[in-house]
Amino acid sequence: MSPSLTVSYNLRVPEEVQVPGSQAEKTHQYEVKSEKEGYAGYYDELRLAIADVKAKTGDELTVWRDAVGNRELNKEPKSAKNDEDDEEEEGEEEV
C-alpha cells in the first residue's frame, strides 16, 4: 500500500442555501507515488498532491462561501444608529 493524502470537509450551511452540483460533505484522497527512490522523490510527489488538493478544495469552498455570503447580504443590517447615540450621550456627559 502506498502512502496517501486524505482531506475531508463537512460544511454545516443553512438548509435554504443550495449549490447545484456541489456537496457540503466531501473527501479527497490522493496516492503519493514516487518513481524516484528516496525521500526527495516522495516529498516532490507529496508537494504536488498537496497543491492539487489545495486547489480543488479551494475552488469547492469558494462556491459555498459565495452562496452563503450572498445570503448574508440579503439580511437586514444591524442598526448603527444605536452606537452613534451612545457616543453622543457620552460626549454630552463629559462637557
PDB file of N, CA and C in Angstrom:
ATOM      1  N   MET A   1       0.841  -1.178   0.000  1.00  0.00           N
ATOM      2  CA  MET A   1       0.000   0.000   0.000  1.00  0.00           C
ATOM      3  C   MET A   1       0.887   1.242   0.000  1.00  0.00           C
ATOM      4  N   SER A   2       0.620   2.142  -0.917  1.00  0.00           N
ATOM      5  CA  SER A   2       1.432   3.357  -0.992  1.00  0.00           C
ATOM      6  C   SER A   2       0.852   4.430  -0.074  1.00  0.00           C
ATOM      7  N   PRO A   3       1.689   5.370   0.340  1.00  0.00           N
ATOM      8  CA  PRO A   3       1.205   6.457   1.194  1.00  0.00           C
ATOM      9  C   PRO A   3       0.147   7.282   0.469  1.00  0.00           C
ATOM     10  N   SER A   4      -0.752   7.861   1.247  1.00  0.00           N
ATOM     11  CA  SER A   4      -1.795   8.678   0.637  1.00  0.00           C
ATOM     12  C   SER A   4      -2.058   9.917   1.485  1.00  0.00           C
ATOM     13  N   LEU A   5      -2.700  10.873   0.860  1.00  0.00           N
ATOM     14  CA  LEU A   5      -3.088  12.130   1.493  1.00  0.00           C
ATOM     15  C   LEU A   5      -4.605  12.208   1.418  1.00  0.00           C
ATOM     16  N   THR A   6      -5.267  12.409   2.559  1.00  0.00           N
ATOM     17  CA  THR A   6      -6.723  12.488   2.602  1.00  0.00           C
ATOM     18  C   THR A   6      -7.142  13.806   3.227  1.00  0.00           C
ATOM     19  N   VAL A   7      -8.053  14.499   2.557  1.00  0.00           N
ATOM     20  CA  VAL A   7      -8.609  15.749   3.066  1.00  0.00           C
ATOM     21  C   VAL A   7     -10.126  15.635   2.998  1.00  0.00           C
ATOM     22  N   SER A   8     -10.784  15.901   4.124  1.00  0.00           N
ATOM     23  CA  SER A   8     -12.247  15.836   4.193  1.00  0.00           C
ATOM     24  C   SER A   8     -12.794  17.125   4.769  1.00  0.00           C
ATOM     25  N   TYR A   9     -14.008  17.465   4.342  1.00  0.00           N
ATOM     26  CA  TYR A   9     -14.715  18.564   4.983  1.00  0.00           C
ATOM     27  C   TYR A   9     -16.197  18.252   5.019  1.00  0.00           C
ATOM     28  N   ASN A  10     -16.866  18.799   6.035  1.00  0.00           N
ATOM     29  CA  ASN A  10     -18.303  18.636   6.208  1.00  0.00           C
ATOM     30  C   ASN A  10     -18.842  20.000   6.615  1.00  0.00           C
ATOM     31  N   LEU A  11     -19.429  20.705   5.675  1.00  0.00           N
ATOM     32  CA  LEU A  11     -19.925  22.052   5.921  1.00  0.00           C
ATOM     33  C   LEU A  11     -21.326  22.005   6.504  1.00  0.00           C
ATOM     34  N   ARG A  12     -21.580  22.864   7.440  1.00  0.00           N
ATOM     35  CA  ARG A  12     -22.916  22.987   8.040  1.00  0.00           C
ATOM     36  C   ARG A  12     -23.493  24.323   7.604  1.00  0.00           C
ATOM     37  N   VAL A  13     -24.091  24.307   6.432  1.00  0.00           N
ATOM     38  CA  VAL A  13     -24.658  25.526   5.859  1.00  0.00           C
ATOM     39  C   VAL A  13     -26.157  25.558   6.129  1.00  0.00           C
ATOM     40  N   PRO A  14     -26.767  26.740   6.116  1.00  0.00           N
ATOM     41  CA  PRO A  14     -28.219  26.822   6.300  1.00  0.00           C
ATOM     42  C   PRO A  14     -28.943  25.968   5.257  1.00  0.00           C
ATOM     43  N   GLU A  15     -30.052  25.369   5.672  1.00  0.00           N
ATOM     44  CA  GLU A  15     -30.786  24.458   4.789  1.00  0.00           C
ATOM     45  C   GLU A  15     -31.235  25.122   3.496  1.00  0.00           C
ATOM     46  N   GLU A  16     -31.573  26.401   3.564  1.00  0.00           N
ATOM     47  CA  GLU A  16     -32.084  27.076   2.368  1.00  0.00           C
ATOM     48  C   GLU A  16     -30.986  27.418   1.358  1.00  0.00           C
ATOM     49  N   VAL A  17     -29.725  27.236   1.733  1.00  0.00           N
ATOM     50  CA  VAL A  17     -28.629  27.502   0.800  1.00  0.00           C
ATOM     51  C   VAL A  17     -28.350  26.226   0.014  1.00  0.00           C
ATOM     52  N   GLN A  18     -28.574  26.294  -1.271  1.00  0.00           N
ATOM     53  CA  GLN A  18     -28.343  25.156  -2.156  1.00  0.00           C
ATOM     54  C   GLN A  18     -27.371  25.570  -3.251  1.00  0.00           C
ATOM     55  N   VAL A  19     -26.421  24.710  -3.532  1.00  0.00           N
ATOM     56  CA  VAL A  19     -25.481  24.942  -4.620  1.00  0.00           C
ATOM     57  C   VAL A  19     -25.545  23.720  -5.527  1.00  0.00           C
ATOM     58  N   PRO A  20     -26.225  23.857  -6.672  1.00  0.00           N
ATOM     59  CA  PRO A  20     -26.346  22.718  -7.584  1.00  0.00           C
ATOM     60  C   PRO A  20     -24.974  22.184  -8.002  1.00  0.00           C
ATOM     61  N   GLY A  21     -24.836  20.878  -7.945  1.00  0.00           N
ATOM     62  CA  GLY A  21     -23.595  20.244  -8.369  1.00  0.00           C
ATOM     63  C   GLY A  21     -22.508  20.243  -7.312  1.00  0.00           C
ATOM     64  N   SER A  22     -22.789  20.758  -6.127  1.00  0.00           N
ATOM     65  CA  SER A  22     -21.795  20.783  -5.052  1.00  0.00           C
ATOM     66  C   SER A  22     -22.309  19.998  -3.861  1.00  0.00           C
ATOM     67  N   GLN A  23     -21.377  19.399  -3.142  1.00  0.00           N
ATOM     68  CA  GLN A  23     -21.727  18.627  -1.957  1.00  0.00           C
ATOM     69  C   GLN A  23     -21.159  19.323  -0.729  1.00  0.00           C
ATOM     70  N   ALA A  24     -21.949  19.375   0.336  1.00  0.00           N
ATOM     71  CA  ALA A  24     -21.488  20.011   1.569  1.00  0.00           C
ATOM     72  C   ALA A  24     -20.506  19.116   2.319  1.00  0.00           C
ATOM     73  N   GLU A  25     -20.459  17.852   1.959  1.00  0.00           N
ATOM     74  CA  GLU A  25     -19.528  16.913   2.581  1.00  0.00           C
ATOM     75  C   GLU A  25     -18.737  16.227   1.478  1.00  0.00           C
ATOM     76  N   LYS A  26     -17.427  16.260   1.607  1.00  0.00           N
ATOM     77  CA  LYS A  26     -16.608  15.694   0.537  1.00  0.00           C
ATOM     78  C   LYS A  26     -15.275  15.217   1.098  1.00  0.00           C
ATOM     79  N   THR A  27     -14.713  14.207   0.464  1.00  0.00           N
ATOM     80  CA  THR A  27     -13.396  13.684   0.818  1.00  0.00           C
ATOM     81  C   THR A  27     -12.572  13.542  -0.453  1.00  0.00           C
ATOM     82  N   HIS A  28     -11.357  14.024  -0.389  1.00  0.00           N
ATOM     83  CA  HIS A  28     -10.403  13.856  -1.486  1.00  0.00           C
ATOM     84  C   HIS A  28      -9.276  12.967  -0.972  1.00  0.00           C
ATOM     85  N   GLN A  29      -8.912  11.968  -1.763  1.00  0.00           N
ATOM     86  CA  GLN A  29      -7.808  11.101  -1.383  1.00  0.00           C
ATOM     87  C   GLN A  29      -6.854  10.974  -2.563  1.00  0.00           C
ATOM     88  N   TYR A  30      -5.594  11.154  -2.284  1.00  0.00           N
ATOM     89  CA  TYR A  30      -4.559  11.096  -3.311  1.00  0.00           C
ATOM     90  C   TYR A  30      -3.478  10.132  -2.871  1.00  0.00           C
ATOM     91  N   GLU A  31      -3.110   9.248  -3.768  1.00  0.00           N
ATOM     92  CA  GLU A  31      -1.967   8.384  -3.508  1.00  0.00           C
ATOM     93  C   GLU A  31      -0.709   9.162  -3.829  1.00  0.00           C
ATOM     94  N   VAL A  32       0.274   9.009  -2.979  1.00  0.00           N
ATOM     95  CA  VAL A  32       1.550   9.695  -3.182  1.00  0.00           C
ATOM     96  C   VAL A  32       2.526   8.652  -3.714  1.00  0.00           C
ATOM     97  N   LYS A  33       2.625   8.593  -5.034  1.00  0.00           N
ATOM     98  CA  LYS A  33       3.510   7.632  -5.690  1.00  0.00           C
ATOM     99  C   LYS A  33       4.762   8.354  -6.147  1.00  0.00           C
ATOM    100  N   SER A  34       5.868   7.704  -5.992  1.00  0.00           N
ATOM    101  CA  SER A  34       7.116   8.308  -6.442  1.00  0.00           C
ATOM    102  C   SER A  34       7.858   7.326  -7.335  1.00  0.00           C
ATOM    103  N   GLU A  35       8.213   7.810  -8.508  1.00  0.00           N
ATOM    104  CA  GLU A  35       9.009   6.995  -9.429  1.00  0.00           C
ATOM    105  C   GLU A  35      10.475   6.993  -8.997  1.00  0.00           C
ATOM    106  N   LYS A  36      10.856   8.023  -8.255  1.00  0.00           N
ATOM    107  CA  LYS A  36      12.243   8.147  -7.798  1.00  0.00           C
ATOM    108  C   LYS A  36      12.415   7.430  -6.464  1.00  0.00           C
ATOM    109  N   GLU A  37      13.641   7.034  -6.200  1.00  0.00           N
ATOM    110  CA  GLU A  37      13.973   6.407  -4.927  1.00  0.00           C
ATOM    111  C   GLU A  37      14.250   7.480  -3.883  1.00  0.00           C
ATOM    112  N   GLY A  38      13.954   7.163  -2.646  1.00  0.00           N
ATOM    113  CA  GLY A  38      14.347   8.026  -1.543  1.00  0.00           C
ATOM    114  C   GLY A  38      13.319   9.083  -1.186  1.00  0.00           C
ATOM    115  N   TYR A  39      13.709   9.853  -0.194  1.00  0.00           N
ATOM    116  CA  TYR A  39      12.809  10.873   0.351  1.00  0.00           C
ATOM    117  C   TYR A  39      12.556  12.034  -0.599  1.00  0.00           C
ATOM    118  N   ALA A  40      13.545  12.397  -1.387  1.00  0.00           N
ATOM    119  CA  ALA A  40      13.387  13.558  -2.278  1.00  0.00           C
ATOM    120  C   ALA A  40      12.230  13.341  -3.251  1.00  0.00           C
ATOM    121  N   GLY A  41      12.160  12.182  -3.853  1.00  0.00           N
ATOM    122  CA  GLY A  41      11.076  11.880  -4.785  1.00  0.00           C
ATOM    123  C   GLY A  41       9.728  11.837  -4.096  1.00  0.00           C
ATOM    124  N   TYR A  42       9.713  11.243  -2.901  1.00  0.00           N
ATOM    125  CA  TYR A  42       8.463  11.181  -2.138  1.00  0.00           C
ATOM    126  C   TYR A  42       7.958  12.582  -1.816  1.00  0.00           C
ATOM    127  N   TYR A  43       8.842  13.444  -1.332  1.00  0.00           N
ATOM    128  CA  TYR A  43       8.412  14.792  -0.952  1.00  0.00           C
ATOM    129  C   TYR A  43       8.035  15.643  -2.164  1.00  0.00           C
ATOM    130  N   ASP A  44       8.659  15.394  -3.296  1.00  0.00           N
ATOM    131  CA  ASP A  44       8.239  16.089  -4.524  1.00  0.00           C
ATOM    132  C   ASP A  44       6.800  15.714  -4.875  1.00  0.00           C
ATOM    133  N   GLU A  45       6.485  14.432  -4.833  1.00  0.00           N
ATOM    134  CA  GLU A  45       5.129  13.969  -5.132  1.00  0.00           C
ATOM    135  C   GLU A  45       4.131  14.437  -4.076  1.00  0.00           C
ATOM    136  N   LEU A  46       4.562  14.472  -2.819  1.00  0.00           N
ATOM    137  CA  LEU A  46       3.687  14.949  -1.747  1.00  0.00           C
ATOM    138  C   LEU A  46       3.344  16.421  -1.953  1.00  0.00           C
ATOM    139  N   ARG A  47       4.330  17.226  -2.334  1.00  0.00           N
ATOM    140  CA  ARG A  47       4.077  18.647  -2.618  1.00  0.00           C
ATOM    141  C   ARG A  47       3.059  18.812  -3.742  1.00  0.00           C
ATOM    142  N   LEU A  48       3.187  18.002  -4.782  1.00  0.00           N
ATOM    143  CA  LEU A  48       2.236  18.063  -5.900  1.00  0.00           C
ATOM    144  C   LEU A  48       0.825  17.672  -5.449  1.00  0.00           C
ATOM    145  N   ALA A  49       0.721  16.636  -4.631  1.00  0.00           N
ATOM    146  CA  ALA A  49      -0.589  16.204  -4.133  1.00  0.00           C
ATOM    147  C   ALA A  49      -1.215  17.289  -3.258  1.00  0.00           C
ATOM    148  N   ILE A  50      -0.423  17.925  -2.407  1.00  0.00           N
ATOM    149  CA  ILE A  50      -0.929  18.999  -1.546  1.00  0.00           C
ATOM    150  C   ILE A  50      -1.402  20.174  -2.389  1.00  0.00           C
ATOM    151  N   ALA A  51      -0.635  20.543  -3.393  1.00  0.00           N
ATOM    152  CA  ALA A  51      -1.032  21.658  -4.263  1.00  0.00           C
ATOM    153  C   ALA A  51      -2.335  21.335  -4.992  1.00  0.00           C
ATOM    154  N   ASP A  52      -2.472  20.093  -5.438  1.00  0.00           N
ATOM    155  CA  ASP A  52      -3.683  19.684  -6.154  1.00  0.00           C
ATOM    156  C   ASP A  52      -4.908  19.728  -5.245  1.00  0.00           C
ATOM    157  N   VAL A  53      -4.795  19.152  -4.050  1.00  0.00           N
ATOM    158  CA  VAL A  53      -5.935  19.141  -3.131  1.00  0.00           C
ATOM    159  C   VAL A  53      -6.251  20.556  -2.649  1.00  0.00           C
ATOM    160  N   LYS A  54      -5.249  21.382  -2.495  1.00  0.00           N
ATOM    161  CA  LYS A  54      -5.475  22.774  -2.086  1.00  0.00           C
ATOM    162  C   LYS A  54      -6.273  23.521  -3.155  1.00  0.00           C
ATOM    163  N   ALA A  55      -5.920  23.323  -4.394  1.00  0.00           N
ATOM    164  CA  ALA A  55      -6.633  23.989  -5.491  1.00  0.00           C
ATOM    165  C   ALA A  55      -8.076  23.487  -5.595  1.00  0.00           C
ATOM    166  N   LYS A  56      -8.268  22.176  -5.527  1.00  0.00           N
ATOM    167  CA  LYS A  56      -9.620  21.615  -5.655  1.00  0.00           C
ATOM    168  C   LYS A  56     -10.520  22.031  -4.497  1.00  0.00           C
ATOM    169  N   THR A  57     -10.039  21.877  -3.264  1.00  0.00           N
ATOM    170  CA  THR A  57     -10.881  22.250  -2.124  1.00  0.00           C
ATOM    171  C   THR A  57     -11.097  23.752  -2.085  1.00  0.00           C
ATOM    172  N   GLY A  58     -10.101  24.519  -2.482  1.00  0.00           N
ATOM    173  CA  GLY A  58     -10.270  25.974  -2.532  1.00  0.00           C
ATOM    174  C   GLY A  58     -11.374  26.376  -3.487  1.00  0.00           C
ATOM    175  N   ASP A  59     -11.395  25.767  -4.661  1.00  0.00           N
ATOM    176  CA  ASP A  59     -12.453  26.063  -5.639  1.00  0.00           C
ATOM    177  C   ASP A  59     -13.826  25.651  -5.108  1.00  0.00           C
ATOM    178  N   GLU A  60     -13.892  24.468  -4.508  1.00  0.00           N
ATOM    179  CA  GLU A  60     -15.171  23.985  -3.980  1.00  0.00           C
ATOM    180  C   GLU A  60     -15.678  24.856  -2.831  1.00  0.00           C
ATOM    181  N   LEU A  61     -14.799  25.220  -1.928  1.00  0.00           N
ATOM    182  CA  LEU A  61     -15.210  26.022  -0.775  1.00  0.00           C
ATOM    183  C   LEU A  61     -15.561  27.450  -1.168  1.00  0.00           C
ATOM    184  N   THR A  62     -14.940  27.961  -2.218  1.00  0.00           N
ATOM    185  CA  THR A  62     -15.270  29.306  -2.693  1.00  0.00           C
ATOM    186  C   THR A  62     -16.719  29.367  -3.165  1.00  0.00           C
ATOM    187  N   VAL A  63     -17.185  28.323  -3.827  1.00  0.00           N
ATOM    188  CA  VAL A  63     -18.578  28.273  -4.285  1.00  0.00           C
ATOM    189  C   VAL A  63     -19.520  28.364  -3.089  1.00  0.00           C
ATOM    190  N   TRP A  64     -19.222  27.621  -2.032  1.00  0.00           N
ATOM    191  CA  TRP A  64     -20.065  27.656  -0.832  1.00  0.00           C
ATOM    192  C   TRP A  64     -19.974  29.006  -0.129  1.00  0.00           C
ATOM    193  N   ARG A  65     -18.775  29.561  -0.044  1.00  0.00           N
ATOM    194  CA  ARG A  65     -18.614  30.872   0.591  1.00  0.00           C
ATOM    195  C   ARG A  65     -19.449  31.918  -0.128  1.00  0.00           C
ATOM    196  N   ASP A  66     -19.414  31.889  -1.446  1.00  0.00           N
ATOM    197  CA  ASP A  66     -20.190  32.848  -2.230  1.00  0.00           C
ATOM    198  C   ASP A  66     -21.691  32.654  -2.011  1.00  0.00           C
ATOM    199  N   ALA A  67     -22.145  31.408  -1.962  1.00  0.00           N
ATOM    200  CA  ALA A  67     -23.576  31.138  -1.775  1.00  0.00           C
ATOM    201  C   ALA A  67     -24.048  31.606  -0.402  1.00  0.00           C
ATOM    202  N   VAL A  68     -23.290  31.308   0.625  1.00  0.00           N
ATOM    203  CA  VAL A  68     -23.668  31.726   1.976  1.00  0.00           C
ATOM    204  C   VAL A  68     -23.482  33.230   2.120  1.00  0.00           C
ATOM    205  N   GLY A  69     -22.432  33.770   1.536  1.00  0.00           N
ATOM    206  CA  GLY A  69     -22.182  35.209   1.610  1.00  0.00           C
ATOM    207  C   GLY A  69     -23.279  36.004   0.942  1.00  0.00           C
ATOM    208  N   ASN A  70     -23.780  35.541  -0.193  1.00  0.00           N
ATOM    209  CA  ASN A  70     -24.883  36.227  -0.870  1.00  0.00           C
ATOM    210  C   ASN A  70     -26.131  36.210   0.000  1.00  0.00           C
ATOM    211  N   ARG A  71     -26.341  35.148   0.733  1.00  0.00           N
ATOM    212  CA  ARG A  71     -27.485  35.068   1.641  1.00  0.00           C
ATOM    213  C   ARG A  71     -27.322  36.097   2.759  1.00  0.00           C
ATOM    214  N   GLU A  72     -26.117  36.258   3.254  1.00  0.00           N
ATOM    215  CA  GLU A  72     -25.855  37.219   4.324  1.00  0.00           C
ATOM    216  C   GLU A  72     -26.087  38.652   3.849  1.00  0.00           C
ATOM    217  N   LEU A  73     -25.842  38.929   2.579  1.00  0.00           N
ATOM    218  CA  LEU A  73     -26.053  40.276   2.048  1.00  0.00           C
ATOM    219  C   LEU A  73     -27.520  40.670   2.089  1.00  0.00           C
ATOM    220  N   ASN A  74     -28.407  39.686   2.005  1.00  0.00           N
ATOM    221  CA  ASN A  74     -29.841  39.962   1.993  1.00  0.00           C
ATOM    222  C   ASN A  74     -30.422  40.181   3.384  1.00  0.00           C
ATOM    223  N   LYS A  75     -29.640  39.912   4.419  1.00  0.00           N
ATOM    224  CA  LYS A  75     -30.120  40.130   5.778  1.00  0.00           C
ATOM    225  C   LYS A  75     -30.161  41.621   6.072  1.00  0.00           C
ATOM    226  N   GLU A  76     -31.014  41.999   7.017  1.00  0.00           N
ATOM    227  CA  GLU A  76     -31.076  43.398   7.419  1.00  0.00           C
ATOM    228  C   GLU A  76     -29.831  43.731   8.231  1.00  0.00           C
ATOM    229  N   PRO A  77     -29.207  44.859   7.943  1.00  0.00           N
ATOM    230  CA  PRO A  77     -28.019  45.233   8.720  1.00  0.00           C
ATOM    231  C   PRO A  77     -28.417  45.634  10.133  1.00  0.00           C
ATOM    232  N   LYS A  78     -27.491  45.441  11.054  1.00  0.00           N
ATOM    233  CA  LYS A  78     -27.737  45.873  12.423  1.00  0.00           C
ATOM    234  C   LYS A  78     -27.779  47.387  12.451  1.00  0.00           C
ATOM    235  N   SER A  79     -28.536  47.918  13.343  1.00  0.00           N
ATOM    236  CA  SER A  79     -28.694  49.363  13.430  1.00  0.00           C
ATOM    237  C   SER A  79     -27.420  50.000  13.967  1.00  0.00           C
ATOM    238  N   ALA A  80     -26.787  50.813  13.152  1.00  0.00           N
ATOM    239  CA  ALA A  80     -25.589  51.537  13.573  1.00  0.00           C
ATOM    240  C   ALA A  80     -25.982  52.782  14.349  1.00  0.00           C
ATOM    241  N   LYS A  81     -27.251  53.129  14.306  1.00  0.00           N
ATOM    242  CA  LYS A  81     -27.743  54.320  14.985  1.00  0.00           C
ATOM    243  C   LYS A  81     -27.548  54.211  16.494  1.00  0.00           C
ATOM    244  N   ASN A  82     -27.759  53.039  17.045  1.00  0.00           N
ATOM    245  CA  ASN A  82     -27.620  52.854  18.485  1.00  0.00           C
ATOM    246  C   ASN A  82     -26.208  53.166  18.954  1.00  0.00           C
ATOM    247  N   ASP A  83     -25.204  52.762  18.212  1.00  0.00           N
ATOM    248  CA  ASP A  83     -23.826  53.042  18.578  1.00  0.00           C
ATOM    249  C   ASP A  83     -23.552  54.536  18.537  1.00  0.00           C
ATOM    250  N   GLU A  84     -24.058  55.214  17.532  1.00  0.00           N
ATOM    251  CA  GLU A  84     -23.843  56.654  17.406  1.00  0.00           C
ATOM    252  C   GLU A  84     -24.536  57.400  18.534  1.00  0.00           C
ATOM    253  N   ASP A  85     -25.739  56.980  18.910  1.00  0.00           N
ATOM    254  CA  ASP A  85     -26.466  57.618  20.002  1.00  0.00           C
ATOM    255  C   ASP A  85     -25.704  57.476  21.312  1.00  0.00           C
ATOM    256  N   ASP A  86     -25.126  56.304  21.549  1.00  0.00           N
ATOM    257  CA  ASP A  86     -24.366  56.087  22.774  1.00  0.00           C
ATOM    258  C   ASP A  86     -23.165  57.019  22.842  1.00  0.00           C
ATOM    259  N   GLU A  87     -22.472  57.191  21.719  1.00  0.00           N
ATOM    260  CA  GLU A  87     -21.309  58.072  21.685  1.00  0.00           C
ATOM    261  C   GLU A  87     -21.705  59.517  21.948  1.00  0.00           C
ATOM    262  N   GLU A  88     -22.828  59.950  21.395  1.00  0.00           N
ATOM    263  CA  GLU A  88     -23.285  61.324  21.602  1.00  0.00           C
ATOM    264  C   GLU A  88     -23.636  61.553  23.061  1.00  0.00           C
ATOM    265  N   GLU A  89     -24.285  60.586  23.703  1.00  0.00           N
ATOM    266  CA  GLU A  89     -24.650  60.719  25.105  1.00  0.00           C
ATOM    267  C   GLU A  89     -23.413  60.803  25.980  1.00  0.00           C
ATOM    268  N   GLU A  90     -22.388  60.004  25.674  1.00  0.00           N
ATOM    269  CA  GLU A  90     -21.152  60.049  26.442  1.00  0.00           C
ATOM    270  C   GLU A  90     -20.479  61.403  26.302  1.00  0.00           C
ATOM    271  N   GLY A  91     -20.504  61.962  25.104  1.00  0.00           N
ATOM    272  CA  GLY A  91     -19.895  63.266  24.851  1.00  0.00           C
ATOM    273  C   GLY A  91     -20.597  64.365  25.617  1.00  0.00           C
ATOM    274  N   GLU A  92     -21.901  64.296  25.754  1.00  0.00           N
ATOM    275  CA  GLU A  92     -22.667  65.308  26.477  1.00  0.00           C
ATOM    276  C   GLU A  92     -22.382  65.246  27.964  1.00  0.00           C
ATOM    277  N   GLU A  93     -22.159  64.049  28.504  1.00  0.00           N
ATOM    278  CA  GLU A  93     -21.894  63.901  29.924  1.00  0.00           C
ATOM    279  C   GLU A  93     -20.535  64.461  30.299  1.00  0.00           C
ATOM    280  N   GLU A  94     -19.572  64.373  29.408  1.00  0.00           N
ATOM    281  CA  GLU A  94     -18.223  64.832  29.697  1.00  0.00           C
ATOM    282  C   GLU A  94     -18.124  66.341  29.740  1.00  0.00           C
ATOM    283  N   VAL A  95     -19.017  67.075  29.079  1.00  0.00           N
ATOM    284  CA  VAL A  95     -18.946  68.530  28.989  1.00  0.00           C
ATOM    285  C   VAL A  95     -19.260  69.186  30.272  1.00  0.00           C
TER     286      VAL A  95
END
